[in-house]
């Protein structure tokens, strides 16, 4: 039987091992998508598409509201992506104009 304290520790354990697992995997579009979803959460991930180009994560959003959200949260998102994808692989975000 799993106790509630063990259930609360599961996300902590996953957060501690996930970066190491991801950093060892090849830098593929799927890995970038996975890291993006882990960094921003499922709702924002569904409303955006990303690709890694020249060490910048290019973000395209469904509409301006999501673009604004990404811009507001960039200072939180970029450090998470650096942990998941490797410090040297991510310089920052780029949001092309529509």
Protein backbone atom coordinates (compact mmCIF):
# COMPACT_ATOMS: atom_id res chain seq x y z
CA UNK A 1 0.00 0.00 0.00
CA UNK A 2 1.32 3.45 -0.94
CA UNK A 3 1.03 6.14 1.71
CA UNK A 4 0.30 9.81 1.02
CA UNK A 5 3.82 10.85 2.06
CA UNK A 6 5.25 8.46 -0.53
CA UNK A 7 2.96 9.92 -3.20
CA UNK A 8 4.14 13.44 -2.39
CA UNK A 9 7.77 12.33 -2.69
CA UNK A 10 7.25 10.83 -6.17
CA UNK A 11 7.37 14.21 -7.99
CA UNK A 12 10.46 15.18 -5.98
CA UNK A 13 12.21 11.97 -6.93
CA UNK A 14 11.24 12.37 -10.59
CA UNK A 15 12.45 15.98 -10.60
CA UNK A 16 15.80 14.89 -9.21
CA UNK A 17 16.45 12.12 -11.76
CA UNK A 18 14.78 13.53 -14.89
CA UNK A 19 17.52 16.07 -15.78
CA UNK A 20 20.24 13.42 -15.66
CA UNK A 21 18.25 11.05 -17.84
CA UNK A 22 17.43 13.74 -20.39
CA UNK A 23 20.95 15.12 -20.59
CA UNK A 24 22.27 11.69 -21.60
CA UNK A 25 19.72 11.32 -24.41
CA UNK A 26 20.46 12.70 -27.90
CA UNK A 27 19.21 16.21 -28.59
CA UNK A 28 16.23 15.39 -30.82
CA UNK A 29 13.05 17.34 -31.62
CA UNK A 30 11.14 14.89 -29.41
CA UNK A 31 13.47 15.56 -26.50
CA UNK A 32 13.00 19.33 -26.96
CA UNK A 33 9.20 18.85 -27.00
CA UNK A 34 9.34 16.71 -23.86
CA UNK A 35 11.56 19.22 -22.04
CA UNK A 36 9.26 22.08 -23.10
CA UNK A 37 6.21 20.30 -21.71
CA UNK A 38 8.05 19.52 -18.47
CA UNK A 39 9.18 23.15 -18.16
CA UNK A 40 5.90 24.92 -18.97
CA UNK A 41 3.17 22.43 -18.10
CA UNK A 42 0.57 20.71 -20.28
CA UNK A 43 -1.73 23.68 -20.94
CA UNK A 44 0.94 26.01 -22.30
CA UNK A 45 2.61 23.11 -24.12
CA UNK A 46 -0.65 22.37 -25.97
CA UNK A 47 -0.93 26.01 -27.08
CA UNK A 48 2.63 26.25 -28.40
CA UNK A 49 5.04 24.57 -30.76
CA UNK A 50 8.78 24.67 -30.21
CA UNK A 51 12.00 23.79 -31.97
CA UNK A 52 15.63 24.24 -31.02
CA UNK A 53 17.62 26.18 -33.60
CA UNK A 54 21.08 27.65 -33.07
CA UNK A 55 20.73 27.11 -29.30
CA UNK A 56 17.51 29.14 -29.16
CA UNK A 57 14.13 27.60 -28.40
CA UNK A 58 11.84 29.00 -31.10
CA UNK A 59 8.31 29.30 -29.68
CA UNK A 60 5.19 29.69 -31.82
CA UNK A 61 1.93 30.15 -29.97
CA UNK A 62 -1.68 29.65 -31.06
CA UNK A 63 -2.49 33.27 -30.30
CA UNK A 64 -1.10 36.43 -28.75
CA UNK A 65 -2.32 35.57 -25.22
CA UNK A 66 -0.06 32.53 -25.13
CA UNK A 67 2.83 34.49 -26.62
CA UNK A 68 2.41 37.05 -23.84
CA UNK A 69 2.41 34.26 -21.26
CA UNK A 70 5.65 32.81 -22.63
CA UNK A 71 7.27 36.25 -22.63
CA UNK A 72 6.20 36.89 -19.03
CA UNK A 73 7.48 33.52 -17.84
CA UNK A 74 10.69 33.36 -19.93
CA UNK A 75 12.87 34.09 -16.88
CA UNK A 76 11.44 30.94 -15.27
CA UNK A 77 11.26 28.75 -18.37
CA UNK A 78 14.83 29.18 -19.67
CA UNK A 79 16.58 27.92 -16.51
CA UNK A 80 14.35 24.83 -16.50
CA UNK A 81 15.14 24.12 -20.15
CA UNK A 82 18.86 24.52 -19.45
CA UNK A 83 18.65 21.92 -16.70
CA UNK A 84 16.70 19.50 -18.89
CA UNK A 85 18.49 20.02 -22.21
CA UNK A 86 21.95 20.97 -21.01
CA UNK A 87 23.34 24.32 -19.96
CA UNK A 88 25.27 24.84 -23.21
CA UNK A 89 22.36 23.85 -25.47
CA UNK A 90 19.95 26.67 -24.58
CA UNK A 91 20.84 30.35 -24.85
CA UNK A 92 17.26 31.56 -24.55
CA UNK A 93 13.86 31.77 -26.19
CA UNK A 94 12.91 33.38 -29.49
CA UNK A 95 9.33 34.27 -30.34
CA UNK A 96 8.94 35.15 -34.03
CA UNK A 97 6.53 37.91 -34.97
CA UNK A 98 3.42 36.74 -36.77
